[in-house]
């Protein structure tokens, strides 16, 4: 039961994060994580980056943004898990 409640809360925060980005405001860690994840993935998988003279810098920046986004998701998950217990 607690797991379902936790997953519902995470899902609603994820959807609110997406809506927040579309509305150009970021209020939660999930919203900030989504905001960082989108450019991180775009930079990391961009075909134009591979044609640059020094693509390693762009790959490092993309990886860093993705890592920070995942870290924010994990921190919020732990906070919600602590609240539901």
Protein backbone atom coordinates (compact mmCIF):
# COMPACT_ATOMS: atom_id res chain seq x y z
CA UNK A 1 0.00 0.00 0.00
CA UNK A 2 2.81 2.41 0.87
CA UNK A 3 4.54 1.57 -2.41
CA UNK A 4 1.43 2.45 -4.43
CA UNK A 5 1.06 5.74 -2.56
CA UNK A 6 4.74 6.54 -3.14
CA UNK A 7 4.53 5.71 -6.85
CA UNK A 8 1.37 7.81 -7.23
CA UNK A 9 3.07 10.76 -5.54
CA UNK A 10 6.19 10.40 -7.72
CA UNK A 11 4.06 10.13 -10.85
CA UNK A 12 2.06 13.22 -9.98
CA UNK A 13 5.23 15.20 -9.21
CA UNK A 14 6.75 14.04 -12.50
CA UNK A 15 3.69 15.25 -14.43
CA UNK A 16 3.69 18.52 -12.49
CA UNK A 17 7.38 18.90 -13.36
CA UNK A 18 6.60 18.50 -17.05
CA UNK A 19 3.71 20.96 -16.77
CA UNK A 20 5.99 23.36 -14.91
CA UNK A 21 8.56 23.30 -17.67
CA UNK A 22 5.89 23.92 -20.28
CA UNK A 23 4.65 26.80 -18.14
CA UNK A 24 8.24 28.05 -17.78
CA UNK A 25 8.53 27.69 -14.02
CA UNK A 26 10.39 25.14 -11.95
CA UNK A 27 9.24 24.57 -8.38
CA UNK A 28 10.34 21.06 -7.42
CA UNK A 29 13.43 18.90 -7.59
CA UNK A 30 11.65 16.70 -10.11
CA UNK A 31 10.92 19.73 -12.31
CA UNK A 32 14.53 20.86 -12.14
CA UNK A 33 15.64 17.30 -12.90
CA UNK A 34 13.46 17.18 -16.00
CA UNK A 35 14.70 20.63 -17.00
CA UNK A 36 18.33 19.42 -16.78
CA UNK A 37 17.64 16.02 -18.33
CA UNK A 38 16.26 17.39 -21.60
CA UNK A 39 19.32 19.46 -22.61
CA UNK A 40 21.65 16.81 -21.18
CA UNK A 41 20.22 14.14 -23.47
CA UNK A 42 20.10 16.58 -26.39
CA UNK A 43 23.77 17.51 -25.95
CA UNK A 44 24.93 13.94 -25.37
CA UNK A 45 23.16 12.42 -28.39
CA UNK A 46 23.49 15.35 -30.80
CA UNK A 47 25.05 14.47 -34.15
CA UNK A 48 26.57 17.94 -34.43
CA UNK A 49 28.67 17.29 -31.32
CA UNK A 50 30.42 14.39 -33.04
CA UNK A 51 31.59 16.71 -35.84
CA UNK A 52 33.25 19.23 -33.52
CA UNK A 53 37.01 19.37 -33.04
CA UNK A 54 36.71 18.61 -29.31
CA UNK A 55 33.52 16.58 -28.72
CA UNK A 56 34.69 15.31 -25.32
CA UNK A 57 33.78 18.60 -23.62
CA UNK A 58 30.21 18.39 -24.91
CA UNK A 59 29.93 14.75 -23.86
CA UNK A 60 31.18 15.67 -20.37
CA UNK A 61 28.64 18.51 -20.08
CA UNK A 62 25.79 16.27 -21.27
CA UNK A 63 26.81 13.49 -18.90
CA UNK A 64 27.06 15.96 -16.01
CA UNK A 65 23.56 17.33 -16.67
CA UNK A 66 22.10 13.82 -16.87
CA UNK A 67 23.91 12.81 -13.65
CA UNK A 68 22.61 15.86 -11.75
CA UNK A 69 19.06 15.17 -12.99
CA UNK A 70 19.20 11.54 -11.84
CA UNK A 71 20.65 12.66 -8.51
CA UNK A 72 17.75 15.10 -8.01
CA UNK A 73 15.22 12.34 -8.83
CA UNK A 74 16.89 10.00 -6.34
CA UNK A 75 16.99 12.63 -3.58
CA UNK A 76 13.30 13.41 -4.03
CA UNK A 77 12.47 9.69 -4.04
CA UNK A 78 14.26 9.28 -0.72
CA UNK A 79 12.43 12.30 0.74
CA UNK A 80 9.04 10.93 -0.31
CA UNK A 81 9.92 7.48 0.95
CA UNK A 82 10.84 8.94 4.32
CA UNK A 83 7.54 10.87 4.47
CA UNK A 84 5.39 7.81 3.68
CA UNK A 85 6.99 5.64 6.37
